[in-house]
Protein backbone atom coordinates (compact mmCIF):
# COMPACT_ATOMS: atom_id res chain seq x y z
CA MET A 1 -16.02 19.60 -15.98
CA LEU A 2 -13.03 20.07 -17.84
CA THR A 3 -9.36 20.37 -17.10
CA LEU A 4 -6.21 20.75 -18.70
CA ALA A 5 -4.61 18.44 -20.86
CA GLN A 6 -1.10 19.19 -20.15
CA PRO A 7 0.89 21.98 -19.19
CA CYS A 8 0.43 24.69 -21.71
CA SER A 9 2.59 28.16 -22.70
CA LEU A 10 1.60 30.68 -24.63
CA GLU A 11 3.59 33.71 -26.44
CA ALA A 12 1.95 37.22 -27.74
CA GLU A 13 2.21 40.54 -28.61
CA ILE A 14 -0.04 42.70 -26.61
CA LYS A 15 1.48 46.06 -26.34
CA ARG A 16 4.97 44.09 -25.83
CA SER A 17 5.41 40.58 -25.99
CA PHE A 18 4.82 38.31 -23.03
CA ILE A 19 4.69 34.52 -22.03
CA ALA A 20 1.67 33.03 -20.46
CA ARG A 21 2.07 29.66 -19.07
CA ALA A 22 -0.72 27.19 -17.61
CA ALA A 23 -0.56 23.95 -15.83
CA GLN A 24 -3.28 21.63 -13.98
CA THR A 25 -3.49 22.10 -10.16
CA GLU A 26 -5.92 20.81 -7.62
CA THR A 27 -6.07 23.61 -5.10
CA ARG A 28 -6.02 27.47 -4.88
CA GLU A 29 -2.71 26.49 -2.85
CA GLU A 30 -1.23 24.59 -5.79
CA ALA A 31 -2.28 27.23 -8.11
CA MET A 32 -0.90 30.06 -6.20
CA ALA A 33 2.33 28.20 -5.85
CA PHE A 34 2.39 27.74 -9.58
CA VAL A 35 2.00 31.16 -10.21
CA ALA A 36 4.79 31.93 -7.68
CA SER A 37 7.04 29.65 -10.07
CA ALA A 38 6.04 31.00 -12.90
CA SER A 39 6.38 34.74 -12.37
CA GLU A 40 9.41 36.31 -14.06
CA PRO A 41 11.09 38.67 -11.50
CA LYS A 42 12.31 41.33 -13.94
CA ALA A 43 9.04 41.41 -15.67
CA THR A 44 7.07 44.61 -15.46
CA HIS A 45 3.84 42.48 -15.40
CA ASN A 46 2.91 39.15 -14.20
CA CYS A 47 -0.59 38.34 -14.80
CA TRP A 48 -2.12 35.21 -13.84
CA ALA A 49 -5.51 33.39 -13.61
CA TYR A 50 -6.95 30.21 -12.19
CA LYS A 51 -10.05 28.03 -12.51
CA ILE A 52 -10.59 25.26 -10.09
CA GLY A 53 -14.26 24.03 -10.56
CA GLN A 54 -16.23 27.20 -9.99
CA ASP A 55 -13.45 28.88 -8.35
CA TYR A 56 -12.05 31.52 -10.48
CA ARG A 57 -9.82 34.16 -9.77
CA PHE A 58 -7.22 36.47 -12.11
CA SER A 59 -4.98 39.44 -12.24
CA ASP A 60 -4.16 41.20 -15.56
CA ASP A 61 -1.50 43.26 -13.34
CA GLY A 62 -2.07 46.70 -15.48
CA GLU A 63 -2.17 44.77 -18.85
CA PRO A 64 -5.65 44.82 -21.17
CA GLY A 65 -8.35 42.94 -19.61
CA GLY A 66 -8.45 39.51 -20.12
CA THR A 67 -4.79 39.30 -20.50
CA ALA A 68 -4.12 36.74 -17.65
CA ALA A 69 -6.89 34.30 -18.81
CA GLU A 70 -5.32 34.14 -22.29
CA CYS A 71 -3.14 30.87 -21.70
CA LEU A 72 -6.42 28.91 -20.00
CA ARG A 73 -8.32 29.95 -23.10
CA VAL A 74 -6.15 28.36 -25.81
CA ALA A 75 -4.95 25.26 -23.47
CA GLY A 76 -5.64 21.96 -24.43
CA LYS A 77 -8.47 20.87 -22.07
CA LEU A 78 -9.83 17.01 -21.14
CA GLU A 79 -12.97 16.08 -19.44
CA VAL A 80 -12.87 15.37 -15.88
CA ARG A 81 -14.79 11.79 -15.64
CA PRO A 82 -15.42 11.19 -11.97
CA ARG A 83 -13.68 7.97 -10.23
CA VAL A 84 -14.80 5.45 -7.64
CA THR A 85 -13.03 2.45 -5.98
CA ALA A 86 -14.98 -0.83 -5.80
CA LEU A 87 -14.31 -4.30 -4.57
CA LEU A 88 -14.46 -7.43 -7.07
CA THR A 89 -14.93 -10.70 -5.48
CA ALA A 90 -14.94 -14.08 -7.71
CA PRO A 91 -14.17 -17.56 -7.38
CA PHE A 92 -10.59 -18.81 -8.37
CA SER A 93 -12.02 -20.38 -11.64
CA LEU A 94 -13.54 -17.44 -13.08
CA THR A 95 -10.52 -15.09 -12.61
CA GLY A 96 -9.96 -15.64 -16.46
CA ALA A 97 -13.48 -13.97 -17.19
CA VAL A 98 -12.98 -11.17 -14.57
CA TYR A 99 -9.86 -9.54 -16.23
CA PRO A 100 -11.39 -8.71 -19.77
CA VAL A 101 -14.78 -7.59 -18.72
CA LEU A 102 -12.96 -4.90 -16.20
CA ASN A 103 -10.09 -3.91 -19.17
CA ALA A 104 -13.11 -3.32 -21.43
CA HIS A 105 -14.71 -0.86 -18.89
CA GLY A 106 -11.37 1.03 -18.13
CA ALA A 107 -11.11 -0.17 -14.74
CA GLU A 108 -7.74 -0.21 -13.16
CA LYS A 109 -6.22 -2.68 -10.49
CA LEU A 110 -5.25 -1.00 -7.42
CA GLU A 111 -5.18 -4.26 -5.18
CA GLU A 112 -5.25 -7.61 -5.72
CA THR A 113 -5.73 -10.38 -3.05
CA TYR A 114 -6.78 -14.01 -2.29
CA SER A 115 -9.27 -15.03 0.10
CA GLU A 116 -10.21 -18.88 1.03
CA THR A 117 -12.90 -18.67 -1.76
CA GLY A 118 -11.06 -16.77 -4.68
CA LEU A 119 -9.85 -13.41 -5.99
CA VAL A 120 -10.54 -10.08 -4.33
CA LEU A 121 -9.61 -7.18 -6.28
CA ARG A 122 -9.53 -3.22 -5.55
CA ILE A 123 -10.08 -1.35 -8.50
CA SER A 124 -10.71 2.16 -9.63
CA ILE A 125 -13.46 2.81 -12.42
CA GLU A 126 -14.90 5.49 -13.86
CA GLN A 127 -18.27 6.41 -11.97
CA ALA A 128 -20.34 6.33 -15.42
CA ALA A 129 -19.08 2.73 -16.04
CA LEU A 130 -19.86 1.03 -12.45
CA GLU A 131 -23.25 -0.30 -13.18
CA ALA A 132 -22.37 -1.63 -17.24
CA SER A 133 -19.40 -3.41 -15.42
CA ARG A 134 -21.51 -4.76 -12.85
CA ALA A 135 -23.97 -6.15 -15.46
CA ALA A 136 -21.00 -7.36 -17.58
CA LEU A 137 -19.53 -9.12 -14.72
CA ALA A 138 -22.58 -10.84 -13.96
CA ASP A 139 -23.12 -12.10 -17.17
CA ALA A 140 -19.56 -13.46 -17.63
CA THR A 141 -19.56 -15.44 -14.35
CA ARG A 142 -22.93 -16.45 -14.29
CA GLY A 143 -23.75 -13.80 -11.34
CA GLN A 144 -20.87 -15.67 -9.02
CA ALA A 145 -18.69 -12.36 -9.11
CA THR A 146 -19.79 -9.48 -6.96
CA LEU A 147 -18.87 -6.02 -7.55
CA ALA A 148 -19.81 -3.30 -4.99
CA LYS A 149 -18.59 0.52 -4.45
CA ASP A 150 -15.86 0.54 -1.83
CA ASP A 151 -16.20 3.46 0.96
CA VAL A 152 -12.20 4.14 0.78
CA PRO A 153 -11.42 6.48 -2.26
CA SER A 154 -8.92 5.74 -4.92
CA VAL A 155 -6.01 8.37 -5.20
CA GLU A 156 -7.91 9.43 -8.76
CA GLU A 157 -10.92 10.64 -6.82
CA LYS A 158 -11.38 14.20 -6.57
CA PRO A 159 -13.95 15.46 -3.56
């Protein structure tokens, strides 16, 4: 799945000049709020389009077909990589071995606490990297660190 890399603006000549704007949103409500904020009250036509997952809506508002989606077509895009949260536990003596493995696998530290036996980290990591991280941690700590998927979604996770 793809998402917009950054907000985008497009100026073009179709009959007359127009400006199109695009921004990343997560819900239909956010998309329609963006449409309202980006609309020009003095404009004869306010075209709009959005695509969130498989949900796609548009209005060419009397302009030639496809006008509304042109900005979406030319905007830079990024691949969406689902993230999960996980809990890592490791003895204090292995803390130095844990962080390089997490960094190498793109993990982000969400919370760091300490128990009687050692380090407890709540991390956000790409779902596809979870198993490789688990294996690398087992190698780096001789099986003394554990990494288990957490049931609490991270801020980066999207349903």
